[in-house]
Amino acid sequence: MQTYFLSPRIISNGSKTASTLFFLLLWLQSGFAQKSIGNDLKKASEEFLATLSVEQKGVANLPFDSEWRYDWNYTPRQRKGLPLKQMNDAQRKAAMTLVKLSLSEKGIEKAESIIGLEYVLRQVEKRPENDTYRDPENYAFAIFGTPDAKQPWAWSVEGHHLSLHFTIVDNKVEFLPSFFGSNPGIVLPGYIQEGKQVLKEEADIAFQLLGSFDEQQLKKVMLSEKAPNDMLTTNTKKAGFEKQEGLAWGDMTAAQQKIFQELLNVYLNKYHVTLKNQELARLRQADINKIYFAWMGDREPLRGAGHGHYFRVHGPTFLIEYDNTQNGANHVHSVVRDLTDDWGEDLLKAHYAASHVKK
């Protein structure tokens, strides 16, 4: 069942007071839920670290203030942290518990599918079974700092086309930046997992939204007939654009807004429901009418080489980028960023400000 933004007008029947009370209740519930997931992640991280040897812990547990916490990428490379291939079964199970606590069932399914595409790439590139470049076990887990209810800490998992980062401050959780990619975008005939399309919903709904616009709207939506060869913000520590471009939510019809809601939900439904709801509440608070949709490149799906496409969703606090141009427009990169609270920056500012208040 699809979930949508809750309209204050529907809830309050025109009553501003009721609307205010609703969002106050939502905010309070979100705070309690954040504390709960923060406690769960703290416990799971402690249990994961307890399974490790002294040598493994030296690899997996890094200082919270380490610059490696911000060092993220989506290409095949060596990473900080302890990879799955260096863990025993109990350690892997403990590591994957962190993923299961942080993502939804849909998010877990997509993450596992992305890892599984490494087997496809081995076949496509004619690599041996023991190849370490396309390696489904080369996904590294790291804990930054000491899991604590009162002091900031973080955890991450990174590998080819999967980069997830969670910052926990006073038991509140920030889950961005977050990257899900797919190569191949669609597994071609003749290969294992033929026809698999990990990020299908993201593409299908975006094309549906694009196809709903009239000529005047398209003049605002289309930034270029040529798509960039990657996400424009790539793997920068801090993401942003000089200005918002495209068509604003407030300039869409009700039917178009409903499709736009579906697109946002497809992205946020990957995460634990508490994390999803806190981001939706933040979007609403920042003014949903100022979220923009923009497109570059080809307007028709699945047309192959030379027909790449790119879109982004850009709000005051929130950014989604999706790019499918590489490998004959069959290689997807997509990221979700929080423009104010990536890496828990807002949470950390509030935490450090509170810790310096004179009592």
Protein backbone atom coordinates (compact mmCIF):
# COMPACT_ATOMS: atom_id res chain seq x y z
CA MET A 1 0.00 0.00 0.00
CA GLN A 2 1.37 3.41 -0.96
CA THR A 3 1.69 6.04 1.78
CA TYR A 4 1.42 9.73 1.07
CA PHE A 5 2.02 13.03 2.78
CA LEU A 6 -0.79 13.76 5.21
CA SER A 7 -2.65 16.93 4.34
CA PRO A 8 -3.37 19.31 7.25
CA ARG A 9 -6.57 20.36 5.46
CA ILE A 10 -7.89 16.81 5.43
CA ILE A 11 -6.92 16.12 9.02
CA SER A 12 -8.21 19.33 10.53
CA ASN A 13 -11.24 19.96 8.32
CA GLY A 14 -10.03 23.50 7.96
CA SER A 15 -9.04 23.96 11.59
CA LYS A 16 -5.56 25.46 11.94
CA THR A 17 -5.48 24.49 15.61
CA ALA A 18 -6.16 20.84 14.87
CA SER A 19 -3.50 20.87 12.17
CA THR A 20 -0.95 22.33 14.59
CA LEU A 21 -1.83 19.73 17.22
CA PHE A 22 -1.47 16.95 14.65
CA PHE A 23 2.01 17.95 13.62
CA LEU A 24 2.99 18.48 17.28
CA LEU A 25 1.85 14.92 18.01
CA LEU A 26 3.72 13.63 14.94
CA TRP A 27 6.87 15.43 16.11
CA LEU A 28 6.59 13.96 19.62
CA GLN A 29 6.00 10.45 18.26
CA SER A 30 8.97 10.86 15.93
CA GLY A 31 11.19 11.81 18.87
CA PHE A 32 10.23 8.74 20.88
CA ALA A 33 10.66 6.47 17.85
CA GLN A 34 14.09 7.95 17.11
CA LYS A 35 15.20 7.15 20.65
CA SER A 36 13.98 3.57 20.20
CA ILE A 37 15.87 2.92 16.97
CA GLY A 38 18.91 4.68 18.44
CA ASN A 39 18.88 2.24 21.37
CA ASP A 40 18.46 -0.73 19.03
CA LEU A 41 21.42 0.35 16.89
CA LYS A 42 23.56 0.96 19.98
CA LYS A 43 22.87 -2.56 21.23
CA ALA A 44 23.46 -4.16 17.81
CA SER A 45 26.75 -2.26 17.35
CA GLU A 46 27.99 -3.34 20.76
CA GLU A 47 27.10 -6.95 19.94
CA PHE A 48 28.89 -6.71 16.58
CA LEU A 49 32.05 -5.28 18.16
CA ALA A 50 31.95 -7.97 20.85
CA THR A 51 32.27 -10.69 18.18
CA LEU A 52 35.51 -9.23 16.80
CA SER A 53 39.09 -10.05 17.70
CA VAL A 54 41.41 -7.29 18.88
CA GLU A 55 42.92 -7.06 15.40
CA GLN A 56 39.51 -6.95 13.69
CA LYS A 57 38.27 -4.31 16.11
CA GLY A 58 41.27 -2.16 15.23
CA VAL A 59 40.10 -2.25 11.60
CA ALA A 60 36.37 -1.88 12.18
CA ASN A 61 36.26 0.63 15.05
CA LEU A 62 37.56 4.09 14.17
CA PRO A 63 37.44 7.41 16.07
CA PHE A 64 34.23 9.37 15.65
CA ASP A 65 36.16 12.48 14.61
CA SER A 66 38.09 10.58 11.92
CA GLU A 67 37.98 12.11 8.44
CA TRP A 68 37.32 8.59 7.18
CA ARG A 69 33.74 9.01 8.40
CA TYR A 70 33.17 11.38 5.47
CA ASP A 71 35.14 9.36 2.93
CA TRP A 72 32.48 7.64 0.85
CA ASN A 73 32.39 6.33 -2.70
CA TYR A 74 30.38 4.05 -4.96
CA THR A 75 33.13 2.60 -7.13
CA PRO A 76 35.00 -0.70 -6.57
CA ARG A 77 37.96 0.13 -4.30
CA GLN A 78 39.53 -0.67 -0.93
CA ARG A 79 37.60 0.83 1.97
CA LYS A 80 38.07 1.55 5.64
CA GLY A 81 36.24 -0.89 7.85
CA LEU A 82 36.01 -4.67 8.08
CA PRO A 83 34.78 -6.39 4.90
CA LEU A 84 32.40 -9.33 4.96
CA LYS A 85 35.06 -11.64 3.52
CA GLN A 86 37.15 -11.18 6.68
CA MET A 87 34.26 -12.14 9.00
CA ASN A 88 33.05 -15.50 10.23
CA ASP A 89 29.37 -16.44 10.11
CA ALA A 90 28.54 -15.04 13.56
CA GLN A 91 30.26 -11.76 12.75
CA ARG A 92 28.46 -11.45 9.43
CA LYS A 93 25.13 -12.08 11.11
CA ALA A 94 25.87 -9.39 13.70
CA ALA A 95 26.95 -6.93 10.99
CA MET A 96 23.85 -7.56 8.89
CA THR A 97 21.66 -6.96 11.95
CA LEU A 98 22.71 -3.31 11.72
CA VAL A 99 21.45 -3.20 8.13
CA LYS A 100 18.18 -4.91 9.05
CA LEU A 101 17.54 -2.45 11.88
CA SER A 102 18.23 0.58 9.68
CA LEU A 103 16.43 -0.34 6.45
CA SER A 104 12.93 -1.52 5.58
CA GLU A 105 12.26 -4.91 4.01
CA LYS A 106 12.29 -3.18 0.61
CA GLY A 107 15.59 -1.49 1.41
CA ILE A 108 17.17 -4.75 2.55
CA GLU A 109 15.96 -6.46 -0.64
CA LYS A 110 17.50 -3.74 -2.82
CA ALA A 111 20.78 -3.75 -0.87
CA GLU A 112 21.11 -7.52 -1.18
CA SER A 113 20.24 -7.34 -4.90
CA ILE A 114 22.92 -4.70 -5.49
CA ILE A 115 25.51 -6.90 -3.79
CA GLY A 116 24.29 -9.85 -5.88
CA LEU A 117 24.92 -7.94 -9.12
CA GLU A 118 28.65 -8.41 -8.50
CA TYR A 119 28.14 -12.01 -9.69
CA VAL A 120 26.54 -10.67 -12.88
CA LEU A 121 29.46 -8.31 -13.49
CA ARG A 122 31.92 -11.17 -13.10
CA GLN A 123 30.09 -12.98 -15.89
CA VAL A 124 29.73 -9.87 -18.08
CA GLU A 125 33.43 -9.03 -17.72
CA LYS A 126 34.54 -12.69 -17.97
CA ARG A 127 36.25 -12.65 -14.58
CA PRO A 128 37.05 -15.80 -12.58
CA GLU A 129 34.92 -16.89 -9.62
CA ASN A 130 37.64 -15.83 -7.16
CA ASP A 131 37.97 -12.35 -8.65
CA THR A 132 38.41 -9.67 -5.99
CA TYR A 133 37.46 -6.63 -8.12
CA ARG A 134 33.82 -7.63 -8.60
CA ASP A 135 33.46 -9.12 -5.15
CA PRO A 136 30.13 -9.60 -3.31
CA GLU A 137 32.10 -10.01 -0.07
CA ASN A 138 33.95 -6.70 -0.40
CA TYR A 139 31.41 -4.66 1.57
CA ALA A 140 33.02 -3.07 4.63
CA PHE A 141 31.42 -2.25 7.99
CA ALA A 142 32.77 0.47 10.27
CA ILE A 143 31.78 1.79 13.69
CA PHE A 144 32.95 5.34 14.40
CA GLY A 145 33.37 6.14 18.08
CA THR A 146 31.89 4.16 20.95
CA PRO A 147 28.19 3.28 20.73
CA ASP A 148 26.72 5.45 23.47
CA ALA A 149 23.34 6.91 24.39
CA LYS A 150 24.89 10.27 25.34
CA GLN A 151 27.92 10.67 23.07
CA PRO A 152 27.87 10.86 19.23
CA TRP A 153 28.82 7.77 17.25
CA ALA A 154 28.15 6.41 13.76
CA TRP A 155 28.19 3.29 11.64
CA SER A 156 28.49 2.69 7.90
CA VAL A 157 28.56 -0.03 5.30
CA GLU A 158 30.22 0.58 1.95
CA GLY A 159 30.97 -1.30 -1.23
CA HIS A 160 30.41 -1.10 -4.96
CA HIS A 161 27.13 0.76 -5.57
CA LEU A 162 26.07 0.69 -1.92
CA SER A 163 27.01 3.37 0.59
CA LEU A 164 24.96 3.75 3.78
CA HIS A 165 25.79 6.08 6.68
CA PHE A 166 24.06 6.45 10.03
CA THR A 167 24.98 9.05 12.64
CA ILE A 168 23.55 8.69 16.14
CA VAL A 169 23.52 11.72 18.46
CA ASP A 170 21.74 11.57 21.82
CA ASN A 171 20.09 8.40 20.49
CA LYS A 172 18.61 10.31 17.53
CA VAL A 173 19.50 8.90 14.10
CA GLU A 174 20.44 10.66 10.87
CA PHE A 175 20.60 8.28 7.88
CA LEU A 176 22.03 10.40 5.06
CA PRO A 177 23.92 10.47 2.73
CA SER A 178 22.70 7.23 1.22
CA PHE A 179 23.60 5.74 -2.15
CA PHE A 180 22.02 2.86 -4.07
CA GLY A 181 23.34 2.05 -7.56
CA SER A 182 22.86 -0.68 -10.14
CA ASN A 183 25.15 -2.08 -12.81
CA PRO A 184 23.66 -3.38 -14.99
CA GLY A 185 20.58 -1.19 -14.66
CA ILE A 186 18.72 -4.08 -16.29
CA VAL A 187 20.45 -7.45 -16.63
CA LEU A 188 20.54 -8.24 -20.35
CA PRO A 189 19.58 -11.56 -21.97
CA GLY A 190 22.20 -14.30 -21.76
CA TYR A 191 23.41 -13.51 -18.25
CA ILE A 192 22.48 -14.84 -14.82
CA GLN A 193 19.61 -12.89 -13.18
CA GLU A 194 18.38 -11.98 -16.69
CA GLY A 195 15.83 -9.13 -16.63
CA LYS A 196 16.57 -8.04 -13.07
CA GLN A 197 16.13 -4.28 -12.55
CA VAL A 198 17.00 -3.32 -8.98
CA LEU A 199 15.97 0.35 -9.22
CA LYS A 200 12.95 -0.19 -11.46
CA GLU A 201 10.38 1.74 -9.40
CA GLU A 202 12.62 4.79 -9.16
CA ALA A 203 12.90 4.97 -12.96
CA ASP A 204 9.32 4.00 -13.81
CA ILE A 205 7.67 6.59 -11.56
CA ALA A 206 10.07 9.34 -12.64
CA PHE A 207 9.24 8.68 -16.30
CA GLN A 208 5.54 8.61 -15.42
CA LEU A 209 5.85 12.02 -13.77
CA LEU A 210 7.81 13.41 -16.73
CA GLY A 211 5.15 12.15 -19.15
CA SER A 212 2.39 13.93 -17.22
CA PHE A 213 3.70 17.45 -17.90
CA ASP A 214 2.31 19.74 -20.59
CA GLU A 215 4.50 21.80 -22.92
CA GLN A 216 4.68 24.81 -20.63
CA GLN A 217 5.63 22.69 -17.64
CA LEU A 218 8.27 20.83 -19.67
CA LYS A 219 9.97 24.14 -20.46
CA LYS A 220 10.70 24.44 -16.74
CA VAL A 221 11.41 20.75 -16.08
CA MET A 222 13.88 20.17 -18.94
CA LEU A 223 17.24 21.68 -18.03
CA SER A 224 19.08 20.08 -20.96
CA GLU A 225 18.50 17.62 -23.79
CA LYS A 226 21.79 15.97 -22.81
CA ALA A 227 22.27 14.14 -19.53
CA PRO A 228 25.47 14.46 -17.47
CA ASN A 229 27.66 11.35 -17.29
CA ASP A 230 27.13 11.02 -13.54
CA MET A 231 25.34 12.60 -10.62
CA LEU A 232 26.39 16.23 -10.44
CA THR A 233 27.21 16.16 -6.72
CA THR A 234 29.12 12.84 -7.08
CA ASN A 235 30.56 11.81 -3.69
CA THR A 236 31.20 15.25 -2.24
CA LYS A 237 31.26 15.64 1.53
CA LYS A 238 28.65 18.41 1.32
CA ALA A 239 26.07 18.49 -1.48
CA GLY A 240 24.23 21.44 -2.94
CA PHE A 241 23.39 23.56 -5.97
CA GLU A 242 23.53 27.32 -6.35
CA LYS A 243 19.81 27.46 -7.05
CA GLN A 244 16.74 25.28 -7.32
CA GLU A 245 15.70 24.54 -10.89
CA GLY A 246 12.85 22.73 -12.58
CA LEU A 247 9.14 22.63 -11.79
CA ALA A 248 8.00 23.26 -8.22
CA TRP A 249 5.52 21.06 -6.38
CA GLY A 250 3.23 24.06 -6.02
CA ASP A 251 3.05 24.44 -9.82
CA MET A 252 1.93 20.85 -10.41
CA THR A 253 -1.63 19.57 -10.69
CA ALA A 254 -3.08 17.39 -7.94
CA ALA A 255 -2.60 14.30 -10.13
CA GLN A 256 1.05 15.21 -10.77
CA GLN A 257 1.63 15.86 -7.08
CA LYS A 258 0.33 12.38 -6.32
CA ILE A 259 2.89 10.85 -8.71
CA PHE A 260 5.58 13.06 -7.19
CA GLN A 261 4.59 11.74 -3.76
CA GLU A 262 4.98 8.20 -5.04
CA LEU A 263 8.49 8.99 -6.28
CA LEU A 264 9.50 10.44 -2.91
CA ASN A 265 8.03 7.45 -1.11
CA VAL A 266 9.86 4.98 -3.36
CA TYR A 267 13.11 6.56 -2.20
CA LEU A 268 12.23 6.93 1.47
CA ASN A 269 10.51 3.54 1.75
CA LYS A 270 13.97 1.95 1.65
CA TYR A 271 14.61 3.04 5.23
CA HIS A 272 13.20 2.09 8.62
CA VAL A 273 9.73 3.61 8.94
CA THR A 274 10.88 5.91 11.77
CA LEU A 275 13.66 7.35 9.63
CA LYS A 276 11.34 7.70 6.65
CA ASN A 277 8.73 9.54 8.72
CA GLN A 278 11.22 11.94 10.26
CA GLU A 279 12.42 12.93 6.76
CA LEU A 280 8.83 13.40 5.54
CA ALA A 281 8.10 15.61 8.54
CA ARG A 282 11.22 17.65 7.79
CA LEU A 283 10.16 18.07 4.16
CA ARG A 284 6.72 19.25 5.22
CA GLN A 285 8.16 21.67 7.75
CA ALA A 286 10.54 23.16 5.15
CA ASP A 287 7.59 23.82 2.74
CA ILE A 288 6.67 21.07 0.35
CA ASN A 289 5.61 23.62 -2.28
CA LYS A 290 9.29 24.49 -2.75
CA ILE A 291 10.42 21.01 -3.78
CA TYR A 292 11.49 21.00 -7.45
CA PHE A 293 11.66 18.25 -10.08
CA ALA A 294 14.15 18.63 -12.94
CA TRP A 295 15.18 16.44 -15.88
CA MET A 296 18.11 16.19 -18.31
CA GLY A 297 18.57 13.89 -21.28
CA ASP A 298 16.30 11.45 -23.07
CA ARG A 299 12.58 11.45 -22.28
CA GLU A 300 11.85 7.86 -23.29
CA PRO A 301 12.91 4.85 -21.17
CA LEU A 302 14.95 1.85 -22.29
CA ARG A 303 16.28 3.22 -25.56
CA GLY A 304 19.88 2.12 -25.06
CA ALA A 305 23.26 3.65 -25.84
CA GLY A 306 23.30 7.39 -26.36
CA HIS A 307 19.93 7.85 -24.64
CA GLY A 308 20.96 8.50 -21.06
CA HIS A 309 18.77 10.36 -18.61
CA TYR A 310 19.09 12.20 -15.32
CA PHE A 311 16.63 13.66 -12.84
CA ARG A 312 16.76 15.33 -9.48
CA VAL A 313 14.41 16.27 -6.68
CA HIS A 314 15.62 19.40 -4.92
CA GLY A 315 13.98 20.91 -1.85
CA PRO A 316 15.18 23.41 0.76
CA THR A 317 16.61 20.59 2.88
CA PHE A 318 16.54 17.53 0.65
CA LEU A 319 18.15 16.27 -2.57
CA ILE A 320 17.73 13.19 -4.76
CA GLU A 321 19.88 12.61 -7.83
CA TYR A 322 19.43 9.78 -10.33
CA ASP A 323 21.70 9.27 -13.35
CA ASN A 324 21.59 6.49 -15.96
CA THR A 325 24.07 7.26 -18.73
CA GLN A 326 27.09 4.98 -18.39
CA ASN A 327 27.50 1.59 -20.11
CA GLY A 328 25.06 2.48 -22.88
CA ALA A 329 22.54 4.04 -20.45
CA ASN A 330 22.34 0.81 -18.44
CA HIS A 331 24.25 1.79 -15.30
CA VAL A 332 22.40 3.67 -12.53
CA HIS A 333 23.77 5.95 -9.83
CA SER A 334 21.34 7.43 -7.31
CA VAL A 335 21.79 9.25 -4.02
CA VAL A 336 19.69 10.86 -1.30
CA ARG A 337 21.24 13.78 0.60
CA ASP A 338 20.09 16.01 3.44
CA LEU A 339 21.30 19.50 2.61
CA THR A 340 21.46 20.59 6.24
CA ASP A 341 21.92 17.39 8.23
CA ASP A 342 24.11 15.03 6.19
CA TRP A 343 26.43 13.21 8.61
CA GLY A 344 24.18 14.44 11.46
CA GLU A 345 25.60 17.96 11.26
CA ASP A 346 22.50 19.65 12.68
CA LEU A 347 22.20 17.05 15.43
CA LEU A 348 25.87 17.51 16.31
CA LYS A 349 25.57 21.31 16.46
CA ALA A 350 22.63 21.01 18.85
CA HIS A 351 24.46 18.41 20.95
CA TYR A 352 27.65 20.45 21.29
CA ALA A 353 25.69 23.65 21.97
CA ALA A 354 23.76 21.93 24.76
CA SER A 355 26.92 20.48 26.28
CA HIS A 356 28.39 23.98 26.62
CA VAL A 357 25.34 25.51 28.30
CA LYS A 358 26.20 26.64 31.80
CA LYS A 359 24.17 24.87 34.47
